[in-house]
Protein backbone atom coordinates (compact mmCIF):
# COMPACT_ATOMS: atom_id res chain seq x y z
CA MET A 1 0.00 0.00 0.00
CA LYS A 2 1.38 3.38 -1.00
CA THR A 3 2.02 5.76 1.90
CA ILE A 4 3.05 9.41 2.14
CA ARG A 5 6.17 8.45 4.07
CA GLY A 6 7.11 5.86 1.48
CA GLU A 7 6.69 8.33 -1.37
CA LEU A 8 8.84 10.93 0.38
CA LYS A 9 11.60 8.52 1.35
CA ARG A 10 11.82 7.52 -2.28
CA VAL A 11 13.01 11.04 -3.18
CA ALA A 12 14.71 11.91 0.12
CA ASN A 13 18.21 13.37 0.20
CA GLU A 14 20.35 13.14 3.35
CA GLU A 15 22.52 16.10 2.44
CA LYS A 16 19.44 18.25 1.81
CA ALA A 17 18.00 17.07 5.14
CA SER A 18 21.03 18.43 7.01
CA VAL A 19 20.66 21.79 5.29
CA LEU A 20 16.93 21.95 6.07
CA MET A 21 17.47 21.06 9.72
CA ARG A 22 19.81 24.02 10.09
CA PHE A 23 17.54 26.34 8.08
CA PHE A 24 14.47 25.51 10.16
CA LYS A 25 16.31 25.93 13.47
CA THR A 26 16.01 22.41 14.89
CA GLY A 27 18.81 22.78 17.44
CA LYS A 28 18.33 22.72 21.20
CA GLY A 29 16.40 25.75 22.39
CA GLU A 30 15.51 26.85 18.84
CA TYR A 31 11.95 27.21 17.58
CA GLY A 32 12.09 23.98 15.51
CA GLU A 33 13.80 21.93 18.23
CA GLU A 34 13.69 18.17 17.59
CA ASP A 35 11.96 18.49 14.21
CA ILE A 36 13.33 15.89 11.78
CA PHE A 37 13.76 16.28 8.02
CA VAL A 38 14.25 13.61 5.40
CA GLY A 39 15.42 16.07 2.72
CA VAL A 40 12.53 16.67 0.32
CA THR A 41 11.82 20.02 -1.38
CA VAL A 42 8.44 21.76 -1.34
CA PRO A 43 7.82 21.07 -5.07
CA GLU A 44 8.47 17.38 -4.37
CA THR A 45 6.07 17.40 -1.41
CA ARG A 46 3.43 19.07 -3.59
CA LYS A 47 3.90 16.37 -6.19
CA ALA A 48 3.53 13.68 -3.54
CA ALA A 49 0.43 15.38 -2.11
CA ARG A 50 -1.31 15.27 -5.48
CA THR A 51 -1.21 11.46 -5.41
CA PHE A 52 -3.10 11.33 -2.08
CA LEU A 53 -6.00 13.70 -2.79
CA ASP A 54 -8.57 10.91 -2.51
CA THR A 55 -7.35 9.92 0.94
CA PRO A 56 -10.08 10.43 3.60
CA VAL A 57 -9.03 13.11 6.09
CA SER A 58 -9.08 10.64 8.98
CA GLU A 59 -6.40 8.60 7.23
CA LEU A 60 -4.07 11.61 7.23
CA ILE A 61 -3.74 11.55 11.03
CA PRO A 62 -0.69 9.20 11.13
CA SER A 63 1.16 11.54 8.76
CA LEU A 64 0.15 14.61 10.78
CA LYS A 65 1.58 12.90 13.86
CA SER A 66 4.77 12.00 12.01
CA PRO A 67 8.12 13.16 13.42
CA TYR A 68 9.12 13.95 9.81
CA HIS A 69 8.52 17.55 8.81
CA GLU A 70 7.96 16.83 5.13
CA GLU A 71 5.42 14.14 5.91
CA ARG A 72 3.37 16.55 8.00
CA LEU A 73 3.71 19.16 5.24
CA THR A 74 2.49 16.72 2.58
CA ALA A 75 -0.58 15.79 4.63
CA LEU A 76 -1.32 19.49 5.17
CA LEU A 77 -0.98 20.18 1.45
CA VAL A 78 -3.51 17.43 0.83
CA LEU A 79 -5.88 19.33 3.14
CA VAL A 80 -5.26 22.56 1.21
CA GLU A 81 -6.23 20.81 -2.01
CA LYS A 82 -9.26 19.20 -0.40
CA TYR A 83 -10.46 22.60 0.77
CA LYS A 84 -9.88 24.08 -2.69
CA LYS A 85 -11.93 21.32 -4.30
CA ALA A 86 -14.74 21.38 -1.70
CA LYS A 87 -17.99 22.36 -3.38
CA THR A 88 -20.29 22.87 -0.40
CA GLU A 89 -20.06 24.74 2.88
CA LYS A 90 -20.38 21.43 4.70
CA GLU A 91 -17.39 19.96 2.85
CA LYS A 92 -15.33 23.04 3.59
CA LYS A 93 -16.23 22.92 7.27
CA VAL A 94 -15.12 19.29 7.51
CA VAL A 95 -11.65 20.28 6.24
CA VAL A 96 -11.40 23.37 8.47
CA ASP A 97 -12.54 21.52 11.59
CA PHE A 98 -10.04 18.74 10.90
CA TYR A 99 -7.25 21.27 10.29
CA LEU A 100 -7.91 23.07 13.56
CA LYS A 101 -8.33 19.85 15.55
CA ASN A 102 -4.91 18.74 14.30
CA LYS A 103 -3.16 22.12 14.42
CA TYR A 104 -0.47 20.57 16.64
CA ALA A 105 1.00 19.35 13.33
CA VAL A 106 1.29 22.92 12.01
CA ASN A 107 4.41 23.53 14.06
CA ASN A 108 6.88 25.45 11.96
CA TRP A 109 6.60 28.68 9.99
CA ASP A 110 6.45 27.07 6.55
CA LEU A 111 3.66 24.72 7.64
CA VAL A 112 1.69 27.75 8.83
CA ASP A 113 2.47 29.90 5.82
CA LEU A 114 1.48 27.27 3.25
CA THR A 115 -1.88 26.48 4.86
CA ALA A 116 -3.36 29.09 7.23
CA ASP A 117 -4.71 31.55 4.68
CA LYS A 118 -5.72 28.85 2.22
CA ILE A 119 -7.82 26.88 4.72
CA LEU A 120 -8.73 28.92 7.80
CA GLY A 121 -8.48 32.36 6.19
CA ASN A 122 -10.55 31.46 3.13
CA TYR A 123 -13.20 29.87 5.33
CA LEU A 124 -13.50 32.99 7.49
CA ILE A 125 -13.89 35.46 4.63
CA ASP A 126 -17.65 35.70 5.19
CA LYS A 127 -17.75 34.59 8.85
CA ASP A 128 -17.06 35.76 12.38
CA ARG A 129 -13.30 36.00 12.91
CA LYS A 130 -13.08 35.97 16.70
CA ILE A 131 -11.07 32.74 16.61
CA LEU A 132 -8.12 34.74 15.25
CA TYR A 133 -8.24 37.08 18.25
CA HIS A 134 -8.30 34.04 20.50
CA TYR A 135 -5.26 32.56 18.77
CA ILE A 136 -3.11 35.69 19.07
CA GLN A 137 -3.39 35.35 22.84
CA SER A 138 -2.05 31.80 22.72
CA LYS A 139 1.27 30.90 24.30
CA ASN A 140 1.83 28.75 21.24
CA LEU A 141 3.94 30.64 18.70
CA TRP A 142 2.43 28.80 15.73
CA GLU A 143 -1.16 29.58 16.71
CA ARG A 144 -0.28 33.27 16.92
CA ARG A 145 1.41 33.14 13.51
CA MET A 146 -1.54 31.19 12.09
CA ALA A 147 -3.91 33.99 13.11
CA VAL A 148 -1.83 36.62 11.30
CA ILE A 149 -1.19 34.61 8.14
CA ALA A 150 -4.86 33.60 7.88
CA THR A 151 -5.64 37.26 7.17
CA PHE A 152 -3.79 37.03 3.85
CA ALA A 153 -7.05 35.61 2.48
CA PHE A 154 -8.84 38.83 3.55
CA ILE A 155 -6.06 41.03 2.17
CA ARG A 156 -6.52 39.45 -1.25
CA LYS A 157 -10.12 40.71 -1.06
CA ASN A 158 -8.89 44.21 -0.11
CA ASP A 159 -10.18 43.69 3.42
CA PHE A 160 -7.45 44.98 5.75
CA ASN A 161 -9.23 45.71 9.01
CA ASP A 162 -8.47 42.48 10.87
CA THR A 163 -4.83 42.45 9.76
CA PHE A 164 -4.35 45.94 11.18
CA LYS A 165 -6.14 45.04 14.43
CA LEU A 166 -4.17 41.83 14.95
CA CYS A 167 -0.83 43.46 14.12
CA GLU A 168 -1.59 46.28 16.53
CA LYS A 169 -2.26 43.78 19.30
CA LEU A 170 0.98 41.95 18.45
CA LEU A 171 3.25 45.01 18.56
CA THR A 172 4.52 43.87 21.94
CA ASP A 173 4.95 40.20 20.98
CA LYS A 174 8.46 39.00 21.83
CA HIS A 175 9.04 36.58 18.97
CA ASP A 176 10.83 37.50 15.76
CA LEU A 177 8.66 35.12 13.73
CA ILE A 178 5.57 37.08 14.74
CA HIS A 179 7.28 40.36 13.82
CA LYS A 180 8.10 38.89 10.41
CA ALA A 181 4.56 37.58 9.86
CA CYS A 182 2.99 40.94 10.73
CA GLY A 183 5.50 42.84 8.61
CA TRP A 184 4.84 40.55 5.67
CA MET A 185 1.07 40.99 5.89
CA LEU A 186 1.44 44.76 6.25
CA ARG A 187 3.64 44.79 3.15
CA GLU A 188 0.96 42.86 1.26
CA ILE A 189 -1.55 45.53 2.26
CA GLY A 190 0.87 48.19 1.02
CA LYS A 191 1.00 46.53 -2.40
CA ARG A 192 -2.73 47.10 -2.68
CA ASP A 193 -3.20 50.34 -0.73
CA GLU A 194 -0.06 52.21 0.23
CA LYS A 195 -2.01 54.99 1.93
CA ALA A 196 -3.70 52.51 4.26
CA LEU A 197 -0.33 51.02 5.19
CA GLU A 198 1.20 54.44 5.80
CA ALA A 199 -1.70 55.47 8.02
CA PHE A 200 -0.98 52.40 10.18
CA LEU A 201 2.76 53.05 10.18
CA LYS A 202 2.43 56.70 11.17
CA LYS A 203 0.28 55.70 14.11
CA HIS A 204 2.50 52.88 15.35
CA VAL A 205 6.01 53.32 13.94
CA GLN A 206 7.60 54.29 17.25
CA ARG A 207 6.29 51.13 18.92
CA MET A 208 6.91 48.67 16.10
CA PRO A 209 9.61 46.03 16.45
CA ARG A 210 12.35 46.83 13.97
CA THR A 211 11.93 43.55 12.07
CA MET A 212 8.19 44.13 11.64
CA LEU A 213 8.83 47.63 10.32
CA ARG A 214 11.61 46.52 7.96
CA TYR A 215 9.37 43.88 6.41
CA ALA A 216 6.44 46.29 6.11
CA ILE A 217 8.41 49.00 4.30
CA GLU A 218 10.54 46.72 2.13
CA ARG A 219 9.01 47.97 -1.12
CA PHE A 220 9.27 51.68 -0.28
CA PRO A 221 11.90 53.86 -1.99
CA GLU A 222 15.15 54.06 0.01
CA LYS A 223 14.58 57.62 1.19
CA LYS A 224 11.15 56.78 2.60
CA ARG A 225 12.44 53.56 4.20
CA LYS A 226 15.20 55.47 5.99
CA ALA A 227 12.74 58.09 7.22
CA TYR A 228 10.58 55.40 8.85
CA LEU A 229 13.57 53.55 10.31
CA ASN A 230 14.86 56.80 11.81
CA HIS A 231 11.70 56.99 13.90
CA LEU A 232 13.03 53.99 15.82
CA GLY A 233 16.31 55.75 16.56
């Protein structure tokens, strides 16, 4: 019987695994501590995921519990595709509920970034979004990042309000990966409405973590970037 793990091990690369383990900070005390990689690229995991699209969601649980990062990623990418193909609200809710019930598997930044907006964010476009405000209060780094990245789905619809509110509440967050997530989403808003981004920046620039600000203003001309950075001293 074909399995996700078997498919991945077929294309695994030990040398690549070592590189990925350093890149995703798997050392002691780092955010990806104890995560294990087999050495498979994202395009290869996407290719593997496409062969398991007919797998019932319940049968993805062993892969979501896997110690192997790429196996969890593949199972999550299957969920993304299942959500995309869902035709009814009921079918979509099944995928979202399963995703949230198994969010323990979404435990590194790439796993969040490749799934949160495409599943949770898309589902919440026309619904109450209080779950995101609950998640940003979590002690779990990945739940907080998931809340921010989920808003990318709203940004694509030119709906910026929740992104601004969440980023404002996360100005005092201590983790660099939250600063980066907020800065990225703010930059995405700026691509669509630079005035809206600048209104947010002018209000909060003196309180913003430097990383968040740098990401948010990345596309600005150098002179304008320096002016904002100078506000931080």
